[in-house]
Amino acid sequence: MLEVGNGGMTLEEYRSHFNIWALAKVWVGPLHNNKIVVVLWNRGSQRATVTALWSDIDLDPTVAMKARDL
């Protein structure tokens, strides 16, 4: 769901949210059936390592995934 303009975010957060929303639409859109986009945010100002287990978000851990650092 696009939350731009609903209040509570900084300008940078709104821009990031809109960009991720647009990218998700391209990756998961009607031409790319059965794809899931997972976004992990580092809301801090310092670089951080973010780790997630696929099982935590109910994804099959045996399925190959692609990851991108945006």
Protein backbone atom coordinates (compact mmCIF):
# COMPACT_ATOMS: atom_id res chain seq x y z
CA MET A 1 0.00 0.00 0.00
CA LEU A 2 1.35 3.43 -0.89
CA GLU A 3 1.55 5.64 2.20
CA VAL A 4 3.04 8.79 0.67
CA GLY A 5 1.36 11.90 2.05
CA ASN A 6 -0.37 10.24 5.01
CA GLY A 7 1.90 11.85 7.60
CA GLY A 8 4.50 10.52 10.00
CA MET A 9 7.50 10.15 7.68
CA THR A 10 10.39 12.38 6.72
CA LEU A 11 10.84 13.53 3.12
CA GLU A 12 13.61 10.93 2.67
CA GLU A 13 11.36 8.19 4.05
CA TYR A 14 8.53 9.21 1.70
CA ARG A 15 10.92 9.14 -1.27
CA SER A 16 12.28 5.73 -0.27
CA HIS A 17 8.78 4.37 0.30
CA PHE A 18 7.59 5.57 -3.11
CA ASN A 19 10.65 4.14 -4.89
CA ILE A 20 10.30 0.73 -3.22
CA TRP A 21 6.57 0.73 -4.02
CA ALA A 22 7.31 1.48 -7.69
CA LEU A 23 10.03 -1.20 -7.88
CA ALA A 24 7.73 -3.75 -6.27
CA LYS A 25 5.09 -3.01 -8.88
CA VAL A 26 7.62 -3.68 -11.65
CA TRP A 27 8.96 -6.90 -10.07
CA VAL A 28 5.61 -8.33 -9.01
CA GLY A 29 3.43 -6.85 -11.73
CA PRO A 30 1.20 -8.82 -14.12
CA LEU A 31 4.12 -9.82 -16.37
CA HIS A 32 6.00 -11.45 -13.47
CA ASN A 33 3.60 -13.92 -11.85
CA ASN A 34 4.29 -15.53 -8.46
CA LYS A 35 7.09 -13.22 -7.35
CA ILE A 36 7.37 -11.77 -3.87
CA VAL A 37 9.29 -8.66 -2.90
CA VAL A 38 10.66 -8.43 0.64
CA VAL A 39 12.05 -5.11 1.79
CA LEU A 40 14.24 -4.80 4.88
CA TRP A 41 14.78 -1.21 6.03
CA ASN A 42 17.73 0.15 7.96
CA ARG A 43 16.14 3.24 9.50
CA GLY A 44 19.33 4.26 11.27
CA SER A 45 21.85 6.75 9.99
CA GLN A 46 24.73 4.25 10.19
CA ARG A 47 25.45 1.31 7.92
CA ALA A 48 24.06 -1.91 9.42
CA THR A 49 23.90 -5.60 8.67
CA VAL A 50 20.31 -6.79 8.39
CA THR A 51 19.55 -10.48 8.71
CA ALA A 52 16.23 -12.20 8.11
CA LEU A 53 15.24 -15.84 8.11
CA TRP A 54 12.87 -16.78 5.29
CA SER A 55 10.91 -18.89 7.75
CA ASP A 56 10.19 -15.74 9.82
CA ILE A 57 8.13 -14.40 6.93
CA ASP A 58 6.63 -17.77 5.95
CA LEU A 59 8.78 -18.34 2.85
CA ASP A 60 10.09 -21.79 1.97
CA PRO A 61 13.79 -21.78 2.98
CA THR A 62 14.63 -24.35 0.27
CA VAL A 63 13.61 -22.01 -2.58
CA ALA A 64 16.38 -19.95 -4.19
CA MET A 65 16.13 -16.21 -3.62
CA LYS A 66 17.86 -13.20 -5.13
CA ALA A 67 18.94 -10.33 -2.91
CA ARG A 68 19.83 -6.77 -3.82
CA ASP A 69 21.34 -4.05 -1.70
CA LEU A 70 19.70 -0.84 -2.81
